[in-house]
Amino acid sequence: MPPMLPGSDGCCLPTADGITYLKIGPQAHTIGMRGLDLVFQQLSLMQRNPSEVTDEELVGMARKFNWIPEKPAIEADYALALRQAYAAYCARLEKPT
């Protein structure tokens, strides 16, 4: 996953050393997450577009590499940020090089 420029997408900050920074929740807390490259690659290989992936699927896959609190409201905030990041990932894949 190539690094993103700050402010270029609104949901993600640059990646560094395998960490992707997401803005989570209404206060837009910056959270570094590991393994999202792999999560997004797996979803892409399964030909799942961002609108088809469930919140449970996104959070569950991200939990394999990260601690995410088990509270429904917080999980929903993570799911929204993960879906936005996955949509940005898919958009980058579709751009001709």
PDB file of N, CA and C in Angstrom:
ATOM      1  N   MET A   1       0.849  -1.167   0.000  1.00  0.00           N
ATOM      2  CA  MET A   1       0.000   0.000   0.000  1.00  0.00           C
ATOM      3  C   MET A   1       0.895   1.230   0.000  1.00  0.00           C
ATOM      4  N   PRO A   2       0.825   2.075  -1.025  1.00  0.00           N
ATOM      5  CA  PRO A   2       1.691   3.245  -1.067  1.00  0.00           C
ATOM      6  C   PRO A   2       1.268   4.277  -0.032  1.00  0.00           C
ATOM      7  N   PRO A   3       2.219   5.072   0.463  1.00  0.00           N
ATOM      8  CA  PRO A   3       1.875   6.099   1.449  1.00  0.00           C
ATOM      9  C   PRO A   3       0.920   7.124   0.851  1.00  0.00           C
ATOM     10  N   MET A   4       0.048   7.656   1.682  1.00  0.00           N
ATOM     11  CA  MET A   4      -0.869   8.703   1.254  1.00  0.00           C
ATOM     12  C   MET A   4      -0.370  10.024   1.794  1.00  0.00           C
ATOM     13  N   LEU A   5      -0.600  11.078   1.053  1.00  0.00           N
ATOM     14  CA  LEU A   5      -0.240  12.396   1.521  1.00  0.00           C
ATOM     15  C   LEU A   5      -1.275  12.862   2.523  1.00  0.00           C
ATOM     16  N   PRO A   6      -0.846  13.497   3.627  1.00  0.00           N
ATOM     17  CA  PRO A   6      -1.809  13.994   4.599  1.00  0.00           C
ATOM     18  C   PRO A   6      -2.816  14.921   3.918  1.00  0.00           C
ATOM     19  N   GLY A   7      -4.078  14.727   4.253  1.00  0.00           N
ATOM     20  CA  GLY A   7      -5.128  15.555   3.703  1.00  0.00           C
ATOM     21  C   GLY A   7      -5.589  15.164   2.311  1.00  0.00           C
ATOM     22  N   SER A   8      -4.959  14.162   1.685  1.00  0.00           N
ATOM     23  CA  SER A   8      -5.343  13.797   0.330  1.00  0.00           C
ATOM     24  C   SER A   8      -6.624  12.995   0.283  1.00  0.00           C
ATOM     25  N   ASP A   9      -6.996  12.383   1.388  1.00  0.00           N
ATOM     26  CA  ASP A   9      -8.181  11.529   1.392  1.00  0.00           C
ATOM     27  C   ASP A   9      -9.122  11.853   2.534  1.00  0.00           C
ATOM     28  N   GLY A  10      -8.618  12.398   3.611  1.00  0.00           N
ATOM     29  CA  GLY A  10      -9.462  12.743   4.735  1.00  0.00           C
ATOM     30  C   GLY A  10      -9.606  11.637   5.762  1.00  0.00           C
ATOM     31  N   CYS A  11      -9.237  10.396   5.419  1.00  0.00           N
ATOM     32  CA  CYS A  11      -9.400   9.324   6.397  1.00  0.00           C
ATOM     33  C   CYS A  11      -8.074   8.740   6.842  1.00  0.00           C
ATOM     34  N   CYS A  12      -7.083   8.856   6.030  1.00  0.00           N
ATOM     35  CA  CYS A  12      -5.845   8.137   6.307  1.00  0.00           C
ATOM     36  C   CYS A  12      -4.652   9.068   6.280  1.00  0.00           C
ATOM     37  N   LEU A  13      -3.679   8.750   7.099  1.00  0.00           N
ATOM     38  CA  LEU A  13      -2.406   9.442   7.101  1.00  0.00           C
ATOM     39  C   LEU A  13      -1.385   8.509   6.469  1.00  0.00           C
ATOM     40  N   PRO A  14      -0.159   8.956   6.232  1.00  0.00           N
ATOM     41  CA  PRO A  14       0.828   8.087   5.577  1.00  0.00           C
ATOM     42  C   PRO A  14       1.101   6.811   6.358  1.00  0.00           C
ATOM     43  N   THR A  15       1.537   5.795   5.641  1.00  0.00           N
ATOM     44  CA  THR A  15       1.964   4.562   6.287  1.00  0.00           C
ATOM     45  C   THR A  15       3.437   4.681   6.622  1.00  0.00           C
ATOM     46  N   ALA A  16       3.852   4.012   7.673  1.00  0.00           N
ATOM     47  CA  ALA A  16       5.266   4.006   8.062  1.00  0.00           C
ATOM     48  C   ALA A  16       5.553   2.683   8.737  1.00  0.00           C
ATOM     49  N   ASP A  17       6.570   1.980   8.253  1.00  0.00           N
ATOM     50  CA  ASP A  17       6.959   0.717   8.866  1.00  0.00           C
ATOM     51  C   ASP A  17       5.779  -0.236   9.051  1.00  0.00           C
ATOM     52  N   GLY A  18       4.925  -0.354   8.030  1.00  0.00           N
ATOM     53  CA  GLY A  18       3.800  -1.274   8.103  1.00  0.00           C
ATOM     54  C   GLY A  18       2.641  -0.782   8.937  1.00  0.00           C
ATOM     55  N   ILE A  19       2.666   0.471   9.338  1.00  0.00           N
ATOM     56  CA  ILE A  19       1.574   1.032  10.135  1.00  0.00           C
ATOM     57  C   ILE A  19       0.788   1.993   9.261  1.00  0.00           C
ATOM     58  N   THR A  20      -0.531   1.853   9.293  1.00  0.00           N
ATOM     59  CA  THR A  20      -1.415   2.781   8.606  1.00  0.00           C
ATOM     60  C   THR A  20      -2.135   3.581   9.680  1.00  0.00           C
ATOM     61  N   TYR A  21      -2.134   4.888   9.545  1.00  0.00           N
ATOM     62  CA  TYR A  21      -2.780   5.755  10.525  1.00  0.00           C
ATOM     63  C   TYR A  21      -4.173   6.118  10.031  1.00  0.00           C
ATOM     64  N   LEU A  22      -5.159   5.857  10.880  1.00  0.00           N
ATOM     65  CA  LEU A  22      -6.547   6.174  10.557  1.00  0.00           C
ATOM     66  C   LEU A  22      -7.081   7.187  11.554  1.00  0.00           C
ATOM     67  N   LYS A  23      -8.044   7.981  11.112  1.00  0.00           N
ATOM     68  CA  LYS A  23      -8.767   8.900  11.989  1.00  0.00           C
ATOM     69  C   LYS A  23     -10.033   8.165  12.426  1.00  0.00           C
ATOM     70  N   ILE A  24     -10.159   7.938  13.748  1.00  0.00           N
ATOM     71  CA  ILE A  24     -11.249   7.131  14.293  1.00  0.00           C
ATOM     72  C   ILE A  24     -12.208   8.000  15.105  1.00  0.00           C
ATOM     73  N   GLY A  25     -13.499   7.831  14.844  1.00  0.00           N
ATOM     74  CA  GLY A  25     -14.542   8.449  15.656  1.00  0.00           C
ATOM     75  C   GLY A  25     -14.777   9.918  15.372  1.00  0.00           C
ATOM     76  N   PRO A  26     -15.780  10.476  16.048  1.00  0.00           N
ATOM     77  CA  PRO A  26     -16.158  11.870  15.822  1.00  0.00           C
ATOM     78  C   PRO A  26     -15.048  12.867  16.192  1.00  0.00           C
ATOM     79  N   GLN A  27     -14.200  12.491  17.146  1.00  0.00           N
ATOM     80  CA  GLN A  27     -13.087  13.362  17.519  1.00  0.00           C
ATOM     81  C   GLN A  27     -11.870  13.148  16.616  1.00  0.00           C
ATOM     82  N   ALA A  28     -11.967  12.226  15.675  1.00  0.00           N
ATOM     83  CA  ALA A  28     -10.903  11.935  14.707  1.00  0.00           C
ATOM     84  C   ALA A  28      -9.570  11.645  15.393  1.00  0.00           C
ATOM     85  N   HIS A  29      -9.602  10.751  16.383  1.00  0.00           N
ATOM     86  CA  HIS A  29      -8.371  10.324  17.041  1.00  0.00           C
ATOM     87  C   HIS A  29      -7.521   9.566  16.036  1.00  0.00           C
ATOM     88  N   THR A  30      -6.237   9.884  15.982  1.00  0.00           N
ATOM     89  CA  THR A  30      -5.321   9.199  15.078  1.00  0.00           C
ATOM     90  C   THR A  30      -4.855   7.909  15.729  1.00  0.00           C
ATOM     91  N   ILE A  31      -5.103   6.791  15.049  1.00  0.00           N
ATOM     92  CA  ILE A  31      -4.743   5.467  15.549  1.00  0.00           C
ATOM     93  C   ILE A  31      -3.868   4.788  14.497  1.00  0.00           C
ATOM     94  N   GLY A  32      -2.721   4.265  14.933  1.00  0.00           N
ATOM     95  CA  GLY A  32      -1.867   3.497  14.045  1.00  0.00           C
ATOM     96  C   GLY A  32      -2.281   2.036  14.063  1.00  0.00           C
ATOM     97  N   MET A  33      -2.468   1.461  12.892  1.00  0.00           N
ATOM     98  CA  MET A  33      -2.894   0.067  12.788  1.00  0.00           C
ATOM     99  C   MET A  33      -1.925  -0.713  11.914  1.00  0.00           C
ATOM    100  N   ARG A  34      -1.635  -1.943  12.334  1.00  0.00           N
ATOM    101  CA  ARG A  34      -0.758  -2.836  11.585  1.00  0.00           C
ATOM    102  C   ARG A  34      -1.597  -3.810  10.758  1.00  0.00           C
ATOM    103  N   GLY A  35      -0.992  -4.294   9.673  1.00  0.00           N
ATOM    104  CA  GLY A  35      -1.582  -5.383   8.905  1.00  0.00           C
ATOM    105  C   GLY A  35      -2.698  -5.010   7.958  1.00  0.00           C
ATOM    106  N   LEU A  36      -2.996  -3.729   7.813  1.00  0.00           N
ATOM    107  CA  LEU A  36      -4.105  -3.365   6.926  1.00  0.00           C
ATOM    108  C   LEU A  36      -3.772  -3.647   5.472  1.00  0.00           C
ATOM    109  N   ASP A  37      -2.500  -3.575   5.118  1.00  0.00           N
ATOM    110  CA  ASP A  37      -2.108  -3.942   3.752  1.00  0.00           C
ATOM    111  C   ASP A  37      -2.601  -5.351   3.441  1.00  0.00           C
ATOM    112  N   LEU A  38      -2.327  -6.270   4.341  1.00  0.00           N
ATOM    113  CA  LEU A  38      -2.711  -7.668   4.157  1.00  0.00           C
ATOM    114  C   LEU A  38      -4.229  -7.836   4.165  1.00  0.00           C
ATOM    115  N   VAL A  39      -4.896  -7.163   5.089  1.00  0.00           N
ATOM    116  CA  VAL A  39      -6.364  -7.239   5.167  1.00  0.00           C
ATOM    117  C   VAL A  39      -6.976  -6.774   3.848  1.00  0.00           C
ATOM    118  N   PHE A  40      -6.517  -5.627   3.345  1.00  0.00           N
ATOM    119  CA  PHE A  40      -7.085  -5.079   2.123  1.00  0.00           C
ATOM    120  C   PHE A  40      -6.734  -5.941   0.908  1.00  0.00           C
ATOM    121  N   GLN A  41      -5.534  -6.504   0.882  1.00  0.00           N
ATOM    122  CA  GLN A  41      -5.165  -7.407  -0.207  1.00  0.00           C
ATOM    123  C   GLN A  41      -6.068  -8.631  -0.212  1.00  0.00           C
ATOM    124  N   GLN A  42      -6.343  -9.194   0.975  1.00  0.00           N
ATOM    125  CA  GLN A  42      -7.211 -10.377   1.064  1.00  0.00           C
ATOM    126  C   GLN A  42      -8.619 -10.045   0.576  1.00  0.00           C
ATOM    127  N   LEU A  43      -9.152  -8.913   1.020  1.00  0.00           N
ATOM    128  CA  LEU A  43     -10.495  -8.519   0.581  1.00  0.00           C
ATOM    129  C   LEU A  43     -10.536  -8.311  -0.931  1.00  0.00           C
ATOM    130  N   SER A  44      -9.492  -7.715  -1.464  1.00  0.00           N
ATOM    131  CA  SER A  44      -9.415  -7.486  -2.910  1.00  0.00           C
ATOM    132  C   SER A  44      -9.352  -8.805  -3.675  1.00  0.00           C
ATOM    133  N   LEU A  45      -8.558  -9.746  -3.175  1.00  0.00           N
ATOM    134  CA  LEU A  45      -8.466 -11.060  -3.820  1.00  0.00           C
ATOM    135  C   LEU A  45      -9.801 -11.802  -3.785  1.00  0.00           C
ATOM    136  N   MET A  46     -10.595 -11.548  -2.754  1.00  0.00           N
ATOM    137  CA  MET A  46     -11.932 -12.150  -2.659  1.00  0.00           C
ATOM    138  C   MET A  46     -12.949 -11.372  -3.491  1.00  0.00           C
ATOM    139  N   GLN A  47     -12.463 -10.329  -4.191  1.00  0.00           N
ATOM    140  CA  GLN A  47     -13.292  -9.477  -5.043  1.00  0.00           C
ATOM    141  C   GLN A  47     -14.441  -8.844  -4.270  1.00  0.00           C
ATOM    142  N   ARG A  48     -14.138  -8.398  -3.063  1.00  0.00           N
ATOM    143  CA  ARG A  48     -15.135  -7.731  -2.217  1.00  0.00           C
ATOM    144  C   ARG A  48     -14.944  -6.230  -2.350  1.00  0.00           C
ATOM    145  N   ASN A  49     -15.962  -5.532  -2.752  1.00  0.00           N
ATOM    146  CA  ASN A  49     -15.830  -4.082  -2.814  1.00  0.00           C
ATOM    147  C   ASN A  49     -16.221  -3.487  -1.464  1.00  0.00           C
ATOM    148  N   PRO A  50     -15.844  -2.240  -1.202  1.00  0.00           N
ATOM    149  CA  PRO A  50     -16.071  -1.650   0.119  1.00  0.00           C
ATOM    150  C   PRO A  50     -17.530  -1.660   0.584  1.00  0.00           C
ATOM    151  N   SER A  51     -18.466  -1.550  -0.334  1.00  0.00           N
ATOM    152  CA  SER A  51     -19.878  -1.546   0.076  1.00  0.00           C
ATOM    153  C   SER A  51     -20.394  -2.942   0.430  1.00  0.00           C
ATOM    154  N   GLU A  52     -19.695  -3.991   0.013  1.00  0.00           N
ATOM    155  CA  GLU A  52     -20.127  -5.365   0.286  1.00  0.00           C
ATOM    156  C   GLU A  52     -19.582  -5.914   1.606  1.00  0.00           C
ATOM    157  N   VAL A  53     -18.465  -5.379   2.057  1.00  0.00           N
ATOM    158  CA  VAL A  53     -17.813  -5.900   3.260  1.00  0.00           C
ATOM    159  C   VAL A  53     -18.592  -5.445   4.482  1.00  0.00           C
ATOM    160  N   THR A  54     -18.873  -6.372   5.389  1.00  0.00           N
ATOM    161  CA  THR A  54     -19.613  -6.009   6.598  1.00  0.00           C
ATOM    162  C   THR A  54     -18.679  -5.363   7.621  1.00  0.00           C
ATOM    163  N   ASP A  55     -19.286  -4.611   8.535  1.00  0.00           N
ATOM    164  CA  ASP A  55     -18.510  -4.001   9.621  1.00  0.00           C
ATOM    165  C   ASP A  55     -17.804  -5.085  10.434  1.00  0.00           C
ATOM    166  N   GLU A  56     -18.522  -6.180  10.715  1.00  0.00           N
ATOM    167  CA  GLU A  56     -17.956  -7.272  11.504  1.00  0.00           C
ATOM    168  C   GLU A  56     -16.737  -7.878  10.811  1.00  0.00           C
ATOM    169  N   GLU A  57     -16.819  -8.002   9.498  1.00  0.00           N
ATOM    170  CA  GLU A  57     -15.722  -8.556   8.715  1.00  0.00           C
ATOM    171  C   GLU A  57     -14.495  -7.642   8.775  1.00  0.00           C
ATOM    172  N   LEU A  58     -14.721  -6.352   8.553  1.00  0.00           N
ATOM    173  CA  LEU A  58     -13.612  -5.394   8.590  1.00  0.00           C
ATOM    174  C   LEU A  58     -12.938  -5.374   9.956  1.00  0.00           C
ATOM    175  N   VAL A  59     -13.735  -5.227  10.989  1.00  0.00           N
ATOM    176  CA  VAL A  59     -13.181  -5.156  12.352  1.00  0.00           C
ATOM    177  C   VAL A  59     -12.541  -6.487  12.723  1.00  0.00           C
ATOM    178  N   GLY A  60     -13.185  -7.592  12.377  1.00  0.00           N
ATOM    179  CA  GLY A  60     -12.645  -8.910  12.704  1.00  0.00           C
ATOM    180  C   GLY A  60     -11.301  -9.168  12.049  1.00  0.00           C
ATOM    181  N   MET A  61     -11.178  -8.788  10.779  1.00  0.00           N
ATOM    182  CA  MET A  61      -9.904  -8.992  10.085  1.00  0.00           C
ATOM    183  C   MET A  61      -8.818  -8.080  10.648  1.00  0.00           C
ATOM    184  N   ALA A  62      -9.179  -6.838  10.948  1.00  0.00           N
ATOM    185  CA  ALA A  62      -8.199  -5.899  11.513  1.00  0.00           C
ATOM    186  C   ALA A  62      -7.770  -6.332  12.912  1.00  0.00           C
ATOM    187  N   ARG A  63      -8.669  -6.985  13.646  1.00  0.00           N
ATOM    188  CA  ARG A  63      -8.349  -7.453  15.007  1.00  0.00           C
ATOM    189  C   ARG A  63      -7.268  -8.534  15.022  1.00  0.00           C
ATOM    190  N   LYS A  64      -7.056  -9.192  13.916  1.00  0.00           N
ATOM    191  CA  LYS A  64      -5.998 -10.206  13.865  1.00  0.00           C
ATOM    192  C   LYS A  64      -4.638  -9.582  14.115  1.00  0.00           C
ATOM    193  N   PHE A  65      -4.504  -8.290  13.838  1.00  0.00           N
ATOM    194  CA  PHE A  65      -3.222  -7.599  13.956  1.00  0.00           C
ATOM    195  C   PHE A  65      -3.245  -6.453  14.966  1.00  0.00           C
ATOM    196  N   ASN A  66      -4.433  -6.087  15.454  1.00  0.00           N
ATOM    197  CA  ASN A  66      -4.588  -4.886  16.287  1.00  0.00           C
ATOM    198  C   ASN A  66      -5.588  -5.128  17.405  1.00  0.00           C
ATOM    199  N   TRP A  67      -5.400  -4.392  18.490  1.00  0.00           N
ATOM    200  CA  TRP A  67      -6.387  -4.408  19.564  1.00  0.00           C
ATOM    201  C   TRP A  67      -7.441  -3.365  19.236  1.00  0.00           C
ATOM    202  N   ILE A  68      -8.692  -3.791  19.221  1.00  0.00           N
ATOM    203  CA  ILE A  68      -9.829  -2.894  19.012  1.00  0.00           C
ATOM    204  C   ILE A  68     -10.799  -3.163  20.154  1.00  0.00           C
ATOM    205  N   PRO A  69     -11.174  -2.126  20.920  1.00  0.00           N
ATOM    206  CA  PRO A  69     -12.092  -2.328  22.047  1.00  0.00           C
ATOM    207  C   PRO A  69     -13.382  -3.017  21.606  1.00  0.00           C
ATOM    208  N   GLU A  70     -13.881  -3.885  22.466  1.00  0.00           N
ATOM    209  CA  GLU A  70     -15.113  -4.619  22.165  1.00  0.00           C
ATOM    210  C   GLU A  70     -16.321  -3.874  22.712  1.00  0.00           C
ATOM    211  N   LYS A  71     -16.559  -2.718  22.142  1.00  0.00           N
ATOM    212  CA  LYS A  71     -17.722  -1.901  22.468  1.00  0.00           C
ATOM    213  C   LYS A  71     -18.371  -1.510  21.154  1.00  0.00           C
ATOM    214  N   PRO A  72     -19.677  -1.756  21.005  1.00  0.00           N
ATOM    215  CA  PRO A  72     -20.338  -1.536  19.713  1.00  0.00           C
ATOM    216  C   PRO A  72     -20.099  -0.158  19.094  1.00  0.00           C
ATOM    217  N   ALA A  73     -20.171   0.898  19.869  1.00  0.00           N
ATOM    218  CA  ALA A  73     -19.988   2.244  19.309  1.00  0.00           C
ATOM    219  C   ALA A  73     -18.566   2.434  18.797  1.00  0.00           C
ATOM    220  N   ILE A  74     -17.601   1.922  19.531  1.00  0.00           N
ATOM    221  CA  ILE A  74     -16.200   2.053  19.114  1.00  0.00           C
ATOM    222  C   ILE A  74     -15.937   1.178  17.893  1.00  0.00           C
ATOM    223  N   GLU A  75     -16.489  -0.033  17.894  1.00  0.00           N
ATOM    224  CA  GLU A  75     -16.336  -0.913  16.731  1.00  0.00           C
ATOM    225  C   GLU A  75     -16.922  -0.257  15.476  1.00  0.00           C
ATOM    226  N   ALA A  76     -18.053   0.434  15.627  1.00  0.00           N
ATOM    227  CA  ALA A  76     -18.675   1.119  14.492  1.00  0.00           C
ATOM    228  C   ALA A  76     -17.771   2.233  13.965  1.00  0.00           C
ATOM    229  N   ASP A  77     -17.115   2.963  14.878  1.00  0.00           N
ATOM    230  CA  ASP A  77     -16.181   4.015  14.459  1.00  0.00           C
ATOM    231  C   ASP A  77     -15.001   3.421  13.692  1.00  0.00           C
ATOM    232  N   TYR A  78     -14.465   2.312  14.202  1.00  0.00           N
ATOM    233  CA  TYR A  78     -13.362   1.637  13.506  1.00  0.00           C
ATOM    234  C   TYR A  78     -13.818   1.128  12.148  1.00  0.00           C
ATOM    235  N   ALA A  79     -15.009   0.523  12.098  1.00  0.00           N
ATOM    236  CA  ALA A  79     -15.521  -0.021  10.836  1.00  0.00           C
ATOM    237  C   ALA A  79     -15.639   1.075   9.778  1.00  0.00           C
ATOM    238  N   LEU A  80     -16.141   2.244  10.176  1.00  0.00           N
ATOM    239  CA  LEU A  80     -16.276   3.351   9.232  1.00  0.00           C
ATOM    240  C   LEU A  80     -14.903   3.778   8.700  1.00  0.00           C
ATOM    241  N   ALA A  81     -13.937   3.942   9.582  1.00  0.00           N
ATOM    242  CA  ALA A  81     -12.582   4.347   9.163  1.00  0.00           C
ATOM    243  C   ALA A  81     -11.934   3.266   8.294  1.00  0.00           C
ATOM    244  N   LEU A  82     -12.123   2.001   8.662  1.00  0.00           N
ATOM    245  CA  LEU A  82     -11.558   0.904   7.873  1.00  0.00           C
ATOM    246  C   LEU A  82     -12.196   0.838   6.488  1.00  0.00           C
ATOM    247  N   ARG A  83     -13.502   1.050   6.417  1.00  0.00           N
ATOM    248  CA  ARG A  83     -14.195   1.028   5.113  1.00  0.00           C
ATOM    249  C   ARG A  83     -13.688   2.173   4.232  1.00  0.00           C
ATOM    250  N   GLN A  84     -13.497   3.356   4.815  1.00  0.00           N
ATOM    251  CA  GLN A  84     -12.970   4.488   4.051  1.00  0.00           C
ATOM    252  C   GLN A  84     -11.558   4.196   3.557  1.00  0.00           C
ATOM    253  N   ALA A  85     -10.744   3.606   4.414  1.00  0.00           N
ATOM    254  CA  ALA A  85      -9.371   3.268   4.025  1.00  0.00           C
ATOM    255  C   ALA A  85      -9.366   2.197   2.945  1.00  0.00           C
ATOM    256  N   TYR A  86     -10.266   1.211   3.055  1.00  0.00           N
ATOM    257  CA  TYR A  86     -10.341   0.172   2.035  1.00  0.00           C
ATOM    258  C   TYR A  86     -10.834   0.758   0.708  1.00  0.00           C
ATOM    259  N   ALA A  87     -11.801   1.681   0.759  1.00  0.00           N
ATOM    260  CA  ALA A  87     -12.275   2.329  -0.463  1.00  0.00           C
ATOM    261  C   ALA A  87     -11.145   3.106  -1.134  1.00  0.00           C
ATOM    262  N   ALA A  88     -10.320   3.778  -0.339  1.00  0.00           N
ATOM    263  CA  ALA A  88      -9.174   4.512  -0.889  1.00  0.00           C
ATOM    264  C   ALA A  88      -8.170   3.538  -1.503  1.00  0.00           C
ATOM    265  N   TYR A  89      -7.963   2.409  -0.841  1.00  0.00           N
ATOM    266  CA  TYR A  89      -7.066   1.367  -1.362  1.00  0.00           C
ATOM    267  C   TYR A  89      -7.573   0.868  -2.720  1.00  0.00           C
ATOM    268  N   CYS A  90      -8.866   0.579  -2.803  1.00  0.00           N
ATOM    269  CA  CYS A  90      -9.459   0.094  -4.061  1.00  0.00           C
ATOM    270  C   CYS A  90      -9.353   1.148  -5.156  1.00  0.00           C
ATOM    271  N   ALA A  91      -9.558   2.402  -4.816  1.00  0.00           N
ATOM    272  CA  ALA A  91      -9.462   3.482  -5.795  1.00  0.00           C
ATOM    273  C   ALA A  91      -8.035   3.575  -6.338  1.00  0.00           C
ATOM    274  N   ARG A  92      -7.046   3.389  -5.473  1.00  0.00           N
ATOM    275  CA  ARG A  92      -5.659   3.416  -5.932  1.00  0.00           C
ATOM    276  C   ARG A  92      -5.369   2.256  -6.871  1.00  0.00           C
ATOM    277  N   LEU A  93      -5.966   1.092  -6.619  1.00  0.00           N
ATOM    278  CA  LEU A  93      -5.762  -0.071  -7.486  1.00  0.00           C
ATOM    279  C   LEU A  93      -6.352   0.163  -8.871  1.00  0.00           C
ATOM    280  N   GLU A  94      -7.445   0.896  -8.940  1.00  0.00           N
ATOM    281  CA  GLU A  94      -8.141   1.111 -10.206  1.00  0.00           C
ATOM    282  C   GLU A  94      -7.484   2.178 -11.069  1.00  0.00           C
ATOM    283  N   LYS A  95      -6.635   3.018 -10.478  1.00  0.00           N
ATOM    284  CA  LYS A  95      -5.976   4.072 -11.244  1.00  0.00           C
ATOM    285  C   LYS A  95      -4.938   3.460 -12.163  1.00  0.00           C
ATOM    286  N   PRO A  96      -4.921   3.870 -13.433  1.00  0.00           N
ATOM    287  CA  PRO A  96      -3.881   3.358 -14.334  1.00  0.00           C
ATOM    288  C   PRO A  96      -2.508   3.909 -13.939  1.00  0.00           C
ATOM    289  N   THR A  97      -1.499   3.069 -14.077  1.00  0.00           N
ATOM    290  CA  THR A  97      -0.145   3.496 -13.708  1.00  0.00           C
ATOM    291  C   THR A  97       0.648   3.976 -14.870  1.00  0.00           C
TER     292      THR A  97
END
